[in-house]
Amino acid sequence: MEKVEAAAETRPTAQHVPGTQTCLPRLTLLLPPLLLLLLAGQQSLATRPLLVFLIDGFRYDYMDDLSALPGFRELASSGVKVDYMTPDFPVYLTPTTTH
């Protein structure tokens, strides 16, 4: 009976098998790039293109009276319009004079 117990004690476990401890870190390093490759090959779910209009010099209250701007009225009714926006990089324009 002692020989059976001794054999059970010397049986290799997952901690003693060469290469098993480094398998998980390698897998975690390879998994994100593989997922990105799989996702990059899939088609986009968006069926309509996104158009963003940036209009310099357009006063904040011009959109309040859309009767004078029929093109903008159609865009606002079929798209998305924000009430307020803070630009990330505000533009500071200074007048230049030429002599």
PDB file of N, CA and C in Angstrom:
ATOM      1  N   MET A   1       0.793  -1.189   0.000  1.00  0.00           N
ATOM      2  CA  MET A   1       0.000   0.000   0.000  1.00  0.00           C
ATOM      3  C   MET A   1       0.848   1.272   0.000  1.00  0.00           C
ATOM      4  N   GLU A   2       1.981   1.159   0.578  1.00  0.00           N
ATOM      5  CA  GLU A   2       2.861   2.314   0.623  1.00  0.00           C
ATOM      6  C   GLU A   2       3.379   2.664  -0.769  1.00  0.00           C
ATOM      7  N   LYS A   3       3.547   1.657  -1.612  1.00  0.00           N
ATOM      8  CA  LYS A   3       4.031   1.910  -2.967  1.00  0.00           C
ATOM      9  C   LYS A   3       2.998   2.665  -3.793  1.00  0.00           C
ATOM     10  N   VAL A   4       1.699   2.371  -3.596  1.00  0.00           N
ATOM     11  CA  VAL A   4       0.642   3.072  -4.321  1.00  0.00           C
ATOM     12  C   VAL A   4       0.594   4.531  -3.902  1.00  0.00           C
ATOM     13  N   GLU A   5       0.721   4.806  -2.626  1.00  0.00           N
ATOM     14  CA  GLU A   5       0.714   6.181  -2.142  1.00  0.00           C
ATOM     15  C   GLU A   5       1.937   6.940  -2.656  1.00  0.00           C
ATOM     16  N   ALA A   6       3.063   6.267  -2.704  1.00  0.00           N
ATOM     17  CA  ALA A   6       4.275   6.918  -3.207  1.00  0.00           C
ATOM     18  C   ALA A   6       4.137   7.240  -4.688  1.00  0.00           C
ATOM     19  N   ALA A   7       3.497   6.357  -5.441  1.00  0.00           N
ATOM     20  CA  ALA A   7       3.293   6.611  -6.864  1.00  0.00           C
ATOM     21  C   ALA A   7       2.339   7.772  -7.074  1.00  0.00           C
ATOM     22  N   ALA A   8       1.331   7.899  -6.224  1.00  0.00           N
ATOM     23  CA  ALA A   8       0.380   9.001  -6.346  1.00  0.00           C
ATOM     24  C   ALA A   8       1.047  10.324  -6.027  1.00  0.00           C
ATOM     25  N   GLU A   9       2.002  10.307  -5.115  1.00  0.00           N
ATOM     26  CA  GLU A   9       2.680  11.542  -4.748  1.00  0.00           C
ATOM     27  C   GLU A   9       3.641  12.012  -5.843  1.00  0.00           C
ATOM     28  N   THR A  10       4.194  11.102  -6.604  1.00  0.00           N
ATOM     29  CA  THR A  10       5.156  11.489  -7.638  1.00  0.00           C
ATOM     30  C   THR A  10       4.502  11.776  -8.986  1.00  0.00           C
ATOM     31  N   ARG A  11       3.193  11.576  -9.089  1.00  0.00           N
ATOM     32  CA  ARG A  11       2.499  11.853 -10.344  1.00  0.00           C
ATOM     33  C   ARG A  11       2.560  13.360 -10.619  1.00  0.00           C
ATOM     34  N   PRO A  12       2.932  13.777 -11.822  1.00  0.00           N
ATOM     35  CA  PRO A  12       3.044  15.216 -12.114  1.00  0.00           C
ATOM     36  C   PRO A  12       1.675  15.886 -12.117  1.00  0.00           C
ATOM     37  N   THR A  13       1.628  17.069 -11.548  1.00  0.00           N
ATOM     38  CA  THR A  13       0.409  17.882 -11.568  1.00  0.00           C
ATOM     39  C   THR A  13       0.581  18.967 -12.622  1.00  0.00           C
ATOM     40  N   ALA A  14      -0.432  19.788 -12.788  1.00  0.00           N
ATOM     41  CA  ALA A  14      -0.370  20.854 -13.789  1.00  0.00           C
ATOM     42  C   ALA A  14       0.727  21.858 -13.474  1.00  0.00           C
ATOM     43  N   GLN A  15       1.076  21.984 -12.196  1.00  0.00           N
ATOM     44  CA  GLN A  15       2.128  22.925 -11.824  1.00  0.00           C
ATOM     45  C   GLN A  15       3.506  22.413 -12.222  1.00  0.00           C
ATOM     46  N   HIS A  16       3.664  21.083 -12.343  1.00  0.00           N
ATOM     47  CA  HIS A  16       4.964  20.512 -12.645  1.00  0.00           C
ATOM     48  C   HIS A  16       5.147  20.155 -14.115  1.00  0.00           C
ATOM     49  N   VAL A  17       4.108  20.221 -14.907  1.00  0.00           N
ATOM     50  CA  VAL A  17       4.231  19.882 -16.322  1.00  0.00           C
ATOM     51  C   VAL A  17       4.885  21.060 -17.036  1.00  0.00           C
ATOM     52  N   PRO A  18       5.976  20.851 -17.738  1.00  0.00           N
ATOM     53  CA  PRO A  18       6.662  21.960 -18.418  1.00  0.00           C
ATOM     54  C   PRO A  18       5.760  22.635 -19.453  1.00  0.00           C
ATOM     55  N   GLY A  19       5.763  23.964 -19.443  1.00  0.00           N
ATOM     56  CA  GLY A  19       5.014  24.727 -20.435  1.00  0.00           C
ATOM     57  C   GLY A  19       3.601  25.090 -20.038  1.00  0.00           C
ATOM     58  N   THR A  20       3.039  24.489 -18.993  1.00  0.00           N
ATOM     59  CA  THR A  20       1.649  24.796 -18.648  1.00  0.00           C
ATOM     60  C   THR A  20       1.523  26.125 -17.931  1.00  0.00           C
ATOM     61  N   GLN A  21       2.564  26.563 -17.234  1.00  0.00           N
ATOM     62  CA  GLN A  21       2.479  27.834 -16.527  1.00  0.00           C
ATOM     63  C   GLN A  21       2.599  29.015 -17.485  1.00  0.00           C
ATOM     64  N   THR A  22       3.254  28.846 -18.599  1.00  0.00           N
ATOM     65  CA  THR A  22       3.419  29.947 -19.549  1.00  0.00           C
ATOM     66  C   THR A  22       2.346  29.945 -20.629  1.00  0.00           C
ATOM     67  N   CYS A  23       1.489  28.958 -20.644  1.00  0.00           N
ATOM     68  CA  CYS A  23       0.459  28.871 -21.678  1.00  0.00           C
ATOM     69  C   CYS A  23      -0.582  29.976 -21.529  1.00  0.00           C
ATOM     70  N   LEU A  24      -1.022  30.236 -20.309  1.00  0.00           N
ATOM     71  CA  LEU A  24      -2.070  31.235 -20.098  1.00  0.00           C
ATOM     72  C   LEU A  24      -1.604  32.648 -20.439  1.00  0.00           C
ATOM     73  N   PRO A  25      -0.425  33.090 -19.991  1.00  0.00           N
ATOM     74  CA  PRO A  25       0.009  34.431 -20.405  1.00  0.00           C
ATOM     75  C   PRO A  25       0.163  34.568 -21.912  1.00  0.00           C
ATOM     76  N   ARG A  26       0.629  33.514 -22.572  1.00  0.00           N
ATOM     77  CA  ARG A  26       0.752  33.579 -24.030  1.00  0.00           C
ATOM     78  C   ARG A  26      -0.614  33.695 -24.678  1.00  0.00           C
ATOM     79  N   LEU A  27      -1.572  32.971 -24.133  1.00  0.00           N
ATOM     80  CA  LEU A  27      -2.926  33.023 -24.682  1.00  0.00           C
ATOM     81  C   LEU A  27      -3.535  34.403 -24.493  1.00  0.00           C
ATOM     82  N   THR A  28      -3.308  35.019 -23.330  1.00  0.00           N
ATOM     83  CA  THR A  28      -3.861  36.351 -23.097  1.00  0.00           C
ATOM     84  C   THR A  28      -3.191  37.399 -23.974  1.00  0.00           C
ATOM     85  N   LEU A  29      -1.958  37.157 -24.394  1.00  0.00           N
ATOM     86  CA  LEU A  29      -1.300  38.089 -25.313  1.00  0.00           C
ATOM     87  C   LEU A  29      -1.766  37.905 -26.748  1.00  0.00           C
ATOM     88  N   LEU A  30      -2.124  36.701 -27.115  1.00  0.00           N
ATOM     89  CA  LEU A  30      -2.528  36.427 -28.493  1.00  0.00           C
ATOM     90  C   LEU A  30      -4.017  36.634 -28.735  1.00  0.00           C
ATOM     91  N   LEU A  31      -4.825  36.532 -27.705  1.00  0.00           N
ATOM     92  CA  LEU A  31      -6.272  36.599 -27.887  1.00  0.00           C
ATOM     93  C   LEU A  31      -6.767  37.962 -28.380  1.00  0.00           C
ATOM     94  N   PRO A  32      -6.360  39.095 -27.802  1.00  0.00           N
ATOM     95  CA  PRO A  32      -6.865  40.387 -28.313  1.00  0.00           C
ATOM     96  C   PRO A  32      -6.548  40.647 -29.780  1.00  0.00           C
ATOM     97  N   PRO A  33      -5.312  40.417 -30.263  1.00  0.00           N
ATOM     98  CA  PRO A  33      -5.083  40.636 -31.699  1.00  0.00           C
ATOM     99  C   PRO A  33      -5.910  39.711 -32.585  1.00  0.00           C
ATOM    100  N   LEU A  34      -6.113  38.473 -32.151  1.00  0.00           N
ATOM    101  CA  LEU A  34      -6.935  37.559 -32.943  1.00  0.00           C
ATOM    102  C   LEU A  34      -8.379  38.029 -33.008  1.00  0.00           C
ATOM    103  N   LEU A  35      -8.899  38.516 -31.887  1.00  0.00           N
ATOM    104  CA  LEU A  35     -10.266  39.040 -31.889  1.00  0.00           C
ATOM    105  C   LEU A  35     -10.383  40.266 -32.784  1.00  0.00           C
ATOM    106  N   LEU A  36      -9.375  41.130 -32.759  1.00  0.00           N
ATOM    107  CA  LEU A  36      -9.407  42.310 -33.624  1.00  0.00           C
ATOM    108  C   LEU A  36      -9.390  41.923 -35.095  1.00  0.00           C
ATOM    109  N   LEU A  37      -8.619  40.911 -35.439  1.00  0.00           N
ATOM    110  CA  LEU A  37      -8.597  40.455 -36.828  1.00  0.00           C
ATOM    111  C   LEU A  37      -9.947  39.889 -37.247  1.00  0.00           C
ATOM    112  N   LEU A  38     -10.584  39.153 -36.361  1.00  0.00           N
ATOM    113  CA  LEU A  38     -11.900  38.603 -36.686  1.00  0.00           C
ATOM    114  C   LEU A  38     -12.939  39.702 -36.846  1.00  0.00           C
ATOM    115  N   LEU A  39     -12.902  40.688 -35.951  1.00  0.00           N
ATOM    116  CA  LEU A  39     -13.874  41.775 -36.029  1.00  0.00           C
ATOM    117  C   LEU A  39     -13.612  42.684 -37.221  1.00  0.00           C
ATOM    118  N   ALA A  40     -12.365  42.850 -37.610  1.00  0.00           N
ATOM    119  CA  ALA A  40     -12.044  43.708 -38.751  1.00  0.00           C
ATOM    120  C   ALA A  40     -12.560  43.113 -40.048  1.00  0.00           C
ATOM    121  N   GLY A  41     -12.666  41.811 -40.119  1.00  0.00           N
ATOM    122  CA  GLY A  41     -13.148  41.159 -41.328  1.00  0.00           C
ATOM    123  C   GLY A  41     -14.651  41.217 -41.486  1.00  0.00           C
ATOM    124  N   GLN A  42     -15.370  41.546 -40.428  1.00  0.00           N
ATOM    125  CA  GLN A  42     -16.827  41.590 -40.503  1.00  0.00           C
ATOM    126  C   GLN A  42     -17.270  42.912 -41.118  1.00  0.00           C
ATOM    127  N   GLN A  43     -18.403  42.885 -41.789  1.00  0.00           N
ATOM    128  CA  GLN A  43     -18.932  44.104 -42.388  1.00  0.00           C
ATOM    129  C   GLN A  43     -19.557  44.977 -41.309  1.00  0.00           C
ATOM    130  N   SER A  44     -19.554  46.255 -41.569  1.00  0.00           N
ATOM    131  CA  SER A  44     -20.153  47.202 -40.643  1.00  0.00           C
ATOM    132  C   SER A  44     -21.665  47.046 -40.646  1.00  0.00           C
ATOM    133  N   LEU A  45     -22.265  47.222 -39.477  1.00  0.00           N
ATOM    134  CA  LEU A  45     -23.712  47.118 -39.374  1.00  0.00           C
ATOM    135  C   LEU A  45     -24.411  48.402 -39.822  1.00  0.00           C
ATOM    136  N   ALA A  46     -23.673  49.494 -39.925  1.00  0.00           N
ATOM    137  CA  ALA A  46     -24.277  50.754 -40.347  1.00  0.00           C
ATOM    138  C   ALA A  46     -24.622  50.681 -41.829  1.00  0.00           C
ATOM    139  N   THR A  47     -25.845  51.064 -42.145  1.00  0.00           N
ATOM    140  CA  THR A  47     -26.268  51.038 -43.541  1.00  0.00           C
ATOM    141  C   THR A  47     -26.290  52.431 -44.145  1.00  0.00           C
ATOM    142  N   ARG A  48     -26.314  53.456 -43.300  1.00  0.00           N
ATOM    143  CA  ARG A  48     -26.347  54.825 -43.797  1.00  0.00           C
ATOM    144  C   ARG A  48     -25.062  55.539 -43.402  1.00  0.00           C
ATOM    145  N   PRO A  49     -24.512  56.339 -44.303  1.00  0.00           N
ATOM    146  CA  PRO A  49     -23.290  57.064 -43.945  1.00  0.00           C
ATOM    147  C   PRO A  49     -23.598  58.188 -42.954  1.00  0.00           C
ATOM    148  N   LEU A  50     -22.606  58.569 -42.190  1.00  0.00           N
ATOM    149  CA  LEU A  50     -22.738  59.644 -41.215  1.00  0.00           C
ATOM    150  C   LEU A  50     -22.155  60.920 -41.811  1.00  0.00           C
ATOM    151  N   LEU A  51     -22.954  61.962 -41.832  1.00  0.00           N
ATOM    152  CA  LEU A  51     -22.501  63.272 -42.296  1.00  0.00           C
ATOM    153  C   LEU A  51     -22.513  64.226 -41.116  1.00  0.00           C
ATOM    154  N   VAL A  52     -21.421  64.919 -40.910  1.00  0.00           N
ATOM    155  CA  VAL A  52     -21.316  65.900 -39.836  1.00  0.00           C
ATOM    156  C   VAL A  52     -21.085  67.255 -40.483  1.00  0.00           C
ATOM    157  N   PHE A  53     -21.933  68.221 -40.148  1.00  0.00           N
ATOM    158  CA  PHE A  53     -21.814  69.572 -40.686  1.00  0.00           C
ATOM    159  C   PHE A  53     -21.193  70.467 -39.628  1.00  0.00           C
ATOM    160  N   LEU A  54     -20.080  71.071 -39.957  1.00  0.00           N
ATOM    161  CA  LEU A  54     -19.450  72.064 -39.101  1.00  0.00           C
ATOM    162  C   LEU A  54     -19.531  73.391 -39.837  1.00  0.00           C
ATOM    163  N   ILE A  55     -20.265  74.325 -39.263  1.00  0.00           N
ATOM    164  CA  ILE A  55     -20.521  75.588 -39.948  1.00  0.00           C
ATOM    165  C   ILE A  55     -19.903  76.712 -39.132  1.00  0.00           C
ATOM    166  N   ASP A  56     -18.885  77.349 -39.680  1.00  0.00           N
ATOM    167  CA  ASP A  56     -18.220  78.448 -39.001  1.00  0.00           C
ATOM    168  C   ASP A  56     -19.009  79.733 -39.234  1.00  0.00           C
ATOM    169  N   GLY A  57     -19.227  80.488 -38.187  1.00  0.00           N
ATOM    170  CA  GLY A  57     -19.939  81.751 -38.294  1.00  0.00           C
ATOM    171  C   GLY A  57     -21.451  81.614 -38.290  1.00  0.00           C
ATOM    172  N   PHE A  58     -21.981  80.474 -37.977  1.00  0.00           N
ATOM    173  CA  PHE A  58     -23.428  80.240 -37.936  1.00  0.00           C
ATOM    174  C   PHE A  58     -23.901  80.553 -36.527  1.00  0.00           C
ATOM    175  N   ARG A  59     -24.696  81.601 -36.393  1.00  0.00           N
ATOM    176  CA  ARG A  59     -25.141  82.015 -35.058  1.00  0.00           C
ATOM    177  C   ARG A  59     -25.980  80.950 -34.393  1.00  0.00           C
ATOM    178  N   TYR A  60     -25.961  80.948 -33.067  1.00  0.00           N
ATOM    179  CA  TYR A  60     -26.670  79.931 -32.296  1.00  0.00           C
ATOM    180  C   TYR A  60     -28.177  79.972 -32.516  1.00  0.00           C
ATOM    181  N   ASP A  61     -28.729  81.144 -32.815  1.00  0.00           N
ATOM    182  CA  ASP A  61     -30.184  81.251 -32.927  1.00  0.00           C
ATOM    183  C   ASP A  61     -30.686  81.143 -34.371  1.00  0.00           C
ATOM    184  N   TYR A  62     -29.823  80.895 -35.332  1.00  0.00           N
ATOM    185  CA  TYR A  62     -30.280  80.718 -36.714  1.00  0.00           C
ATOM    186  C   TYR A  62     -31.177  79.495 -36.857  1.00  0.00           C
ATOM    187  N   MET A  63     -30.946  78.466 -36.077  1.00  0.00           N
ATOM    188  CA  MET A  63     -31.754  77.254 -36.180  1.00  0.00           C
ATOM    189  C   MET A  63     -33.127  77.422 -35.540  1.00  0.00           C
ATOM    190  N   ASP A  64     -33.324  78.492 -34.761  1.00  0.00           N
ATOM    191  CA  ASP A  64     -34.642  78.723 -34.156  1.00  0.00           C
ATOM    192  C   ASP A  64     -35.678  79.100 -35.204  1.00  0.00           C
ATOM    193  N   ASP A  65     -35.263  79.802 -36.248  1.00  0.00           N
ATOM    194  CA  ASP A  65     -36.181  80.208 -37.311  1.00  0.00           C
ATOM    195  C   ASP A  65     -35.856  79.406 -38.569  1.00  0.00           C
ATOM    196  N   LEU A  66     -36.359  78.187 -38.619  1.00  0.00           N
ATOM    197  CA  LEU A  66     -36.060  77.311 -39.747  1.00  0.00           C
ATOM    198  C   LEU A  66     -36.925  77.590 -40.971  1.00  0.00           C
ATOM    199  N   SER A  67     -37.884  78.484 -40.862  1.00  0.00           N
ATOM    200  CA  SER A  67     -38.713  78.779 -42.029  1.00  0.00           C
ATOM    201  C   SER A  67     -37.888  79.471 -43.118  1.00  0.00           C
ATOM    202  N   ALA A  68     -36.874  80.219 -42.712  1.00  0.00           N
ATOM    203  CA  ALA A  68     -36.025  80.892 -43.691  1.00  0.00           C
ATOM    204  C   ALA A  68     -34.950  79.956 -44.250  1.00  0.00           C
ATOM    205  N   LEU A  69     -34.791  78.795 -43.637  1.00  0.00           N
ATOM    206  CA  LEU A  69     -33.749  77.858 -44.058  1.00  0.00           C
ATOM    207  C   LEU A  69     -34.368  76.489 -44.335  1.00  0.00           C
ATOM    208  N   PRO A  70     -35.015  76.309 -45.492  1.00  0.00           N
ATOM    209  CA  PRO A  70     -35.713  75.044 -45.742  1.00  0.00           C
ATOM    210  C   PRO A  70     -34.778  73.830 -45.798  1.00  0.00           C
ATOM    211  N   GLY A  71     -33.570  74.008 -46.282  1.00  0.00           N
ATOM    212  CA  GLY A  71     -32.629  72.881 -46.320  1.00  0.00           C
ATOM    213  C   GLY A  71     -32.258  72.415 -44.920  1.00  0.00           C
ATOM    214  N   PHE A  72     -32.024  73.368 -44.033  1.00  0.00           N
ATOM    215  CA  PHE A  72     -31.701  73.012 -42.656  1.00  0.00           C
ATOM    216  C   PHE A  72     -32.914  72.454 -41.925  1.00  0.00           C
ATOM    217  N   ARG A  73     -34.088  72.921 -42.280  1.00  0.00           N
ATOM    218  CA  ARG A  73     -35.313  72.391 -41.664  1.00  0.00           C
ATOM    219  C   ARG A  73     -35.436  70.902 -41.974  1.00  0.00           C
ATOM    220  N   GLU A  74     -35.167  70.534 -43.220  1.00  0.00           N
ATOM    221  CA  GLU A  74     -35.239  69.122 -43.603  1.00  0.00           C
ATOM    222  C   GLU A  74     -34.162  68.299 -42.891  1.00  0.00           C
ATOM    223  N   LEU A  75     -32.957  68.842 -42.794  1.00  0.00           N
ATOM    224  CA  LEU A  75     -31.892  68.132 -42.086  1.00  0.00           C
ATOM    225  C   LEU A  75     -32.226  67.944 -40.609  1.00  0.00           C
ATOM    226  N   ALA A  76     -32.763  68.980 -39.975  1.00  0.00           N
ATOM    227  CA  ALA A  76     -33.087  68.885 -38.550  1.00  0.00           C
ATOM    228  C   ALA A  76     -34.235  67.921 -38.298  1.00  0.00           C
ATOM    229  N   SER A  77     -35.188  67.835 -39.235  1.00  0.00           N
ATOM    230  CA  SER A  77     -36.334  66.944 -39.012  1.00  0.00           C
ATOM    231  C   SER A  77     -35.986  65.480 -39.266  1.00  0.00           C
ATOM    232  N   SER A  78     -35.024  65.215 -40.142  1.00  0.00           N
ATOM    233  CA  SER A  78     -34.696  63.819 -40.449  1.00  0.00           C
ATOM    234  C   SER A  78     -33.381  63.364 -39.823  1.00  0.00           C
ATOM    235  N   GLY A  79     -32.735  64.229 -39.089  1.00  0.00           N
ATOM    236  CA  GLY A  79     -31.449  63.861 -38.494  1.00  0.00           C
ATOM    237  C   GLY A  79     -31.416  64.168 -37.015  1.00  0.00           C
ATOM    238  N   VAL A  80     -30.254  64.512 -36.541  1.00  0.00           N
ATOM    239  CA  VAL A  80     -30.039  64.807 -35.129  1.00  0.00           C
ATOM    240  C   VAL A  80     -29.537  66.229 -35.014  1.00  0.00           C
ATOM    241  N   LYS A  81     -30.064  66.946 -34.040  1.00  0.00           N
ATOM    242  CA  LYS A  81     -29.671  68.332 -33.806  1.00  0.00           C
ATOM    243  C   LYS A  81     -29.386  68.484 -32.322  1.00  0.00           C
ATOM    244  N   VAL A  82     -28.264  69.095 -31.995  1.00  0.00           N
ATOM    245  CA  VAL A  82     -27.920  69.310 -30.591  1.00  0.00           C
ATOM    246  C   VAL A  82     -28.295  70.729 -30.195  1.00  0.00           C
ATOM    247  N   ASP A  83     -28.645  70.896 -28.936  1.00  0.00           N
ATOM    248  CA  ASP A  83     -28.989  72.222 -28.439  1.00  0.00           C
ATOM    249  C   ASP A  83     -27.758  73.000 -27.984  1.00  0.00           C
ATOM    250  N   TYR A  84     -26.725  72.296 -27.562  1.00  0.00           N
ATOM    251  CA  TYR A  84     -25.558  72.967 -27.021  1.00  0.00           C
ATOM    252  C   TYR A  84     -24.326  72.108 -27.278  1.00  0.00           C
ATOM    253  N   MET A  85     -23.209  72.757 -27.551  1.00  0.00           N
ATOM    254  CA  MET A  85     -21.965  72.035 -27.754  1.00  0.00           C
ATOM    255  C   MET A  85     -20.798  72.896 -27.292  1.00  0.00           C
ATOM    256  N   THR A  86     -19.879  72.284 -26.578  1.00  0.00           N
ATOM    257  CA  THR A  86     -18.646  72.956 -26.197  1.00  0.00           C
ATOM    258  C   THR A  86     -17.524  72.333 -27.013  1.00  0.00           C
ATOM    259  N   PRO A  87     -16.880  73.103 -27.874  1.00  0.00           N
ATOM    260  CA  PRO A  87     -15.818  72.521 -28.700  1.00  0.00           C
ATOM    261  C   PRO A  87     -14.603  72.151 -27.851  1.00  0.00           C
ATOM    262  N   ASP A  88     -13.934  71.089 -28.251  1.00  0.00           N
ATOM    263  CA  ASP A  88     -12.720  70.670 -27.554  1.00  0.00           C
ATOM    264  C   ASP A  88     -11.581  71.651 -27.783  1.00  0.00           C
ATOM    265  N   PHE A  89     -11.493  72.152 -28.986  1.00  0.00           N
ATOM    266  CA  PHE A  89     -10.439  73.081 -29.339  1.00  0.00           C
ATOM    267  C   PHE A  89     -11.082  74.361 -29.876  1.00  0.00           C
ATOM    268  N   PRO A  90     -11.432  75.294 -28.990  1.00  0.00           N
ATOM    269  CA  PRO A  90     -12.071  76.522 -29.477  1.00  0.00           C
ATOM    270  C   PRO A  90     -11.120  77.322 -30.371  1.00  0.00           C
ATOM    271  N   VAL A  91     -11.686  77.924 -31.365  1.00  0.00           N
ATOM    272  CA  VAL A  91     -10.909  78.714 -32.317  1.00  0.00           C
ATOM    273  C   VAL A  91     -11.039  80.178 -31.927  1.00  0.00           C
ATOM    274  N   TYR A  92      -9.912  80.807 -31.768  1.00  0.00           N
ATOM    275  CA  TYR A  92      -9.903  82.232 -31.459  1.00  0.00           C
ATOM    276  C   TYR A  92      -9.391  82.968 -32.690  1.00  0.00           C
ATOM    277  N   LEU A  93     -10.274  83.704 -33.325  1.00  0.00           N
ATOM    278  CA  LEU A  93      -9.910  84.440 -34.528  1.00  0.00           C
ATOM    279  C   LEU A  93      -9.623  85.885 -34.159  1.00  0.00           C
ATOM    280  N   THR A  94      -8.565  86.405 -34.700  1.00  0.00           N
ATOM    281  CA  THR A  94      -8.248  87.815 -34.490  1.00  0.00           C
ATOM    282  C   THR A  94      -8.243  88.493 -35.851  1.00  0.00           C
ATOM    283  N   PRO A  95      -8.791  89.685 -35.917  1.00  0.00           N
ATOM    284  CA  PRO A  95      -8.819  90.375 -37.209  1.00  0.00           C
ATOM    285  C   PRO A  95      -7.407  90.808 -37.609  1.00  0.00           C
ATOM    286  N   THR A  96      -7.153  90.687 -38.877  1.00  0.00           N
ATOM    287  CA  THR A  96      -5.860  91.142 -39.391  1.00  0.00           C
ATOM    288  C   THR A  96      -6.103  92.369 -40.253  1.00  0.00           C
ATOM    289  N   THR A  97      -5.204  93.270 -40.180  1.00  0.00           N
ATOM    290  CA  THR A  97      -5.325  94.484 -40.995  1.00  0.00           C
ATOM    291  C   THR A  97      -4.161  94.528 -41.974  1.00  0.00           C
ATOM    292  N   THR A  98      -4.464  94.936 -43.165  1.00  0.00           N
ATOM    293  CA  THR A  98      -3.415  95.100 -44.171  1.00  0.00           C
ATOM    294  C   THR A  98      -3.336  96.573 -44.521  1.00  0.00           C
ATOM    295  N   HIS A  99      -2.148  97.033 -44.715  1.00  0.00           N
ATOM    296  CA  HIS A  99      -1.959  98.463 -45.042  1.00  0.00           C
ATOM    297  C   HIS A  99      -1.586  98.626 -46.474  1.00  0.00           C
TER     298      HIS A  99
END
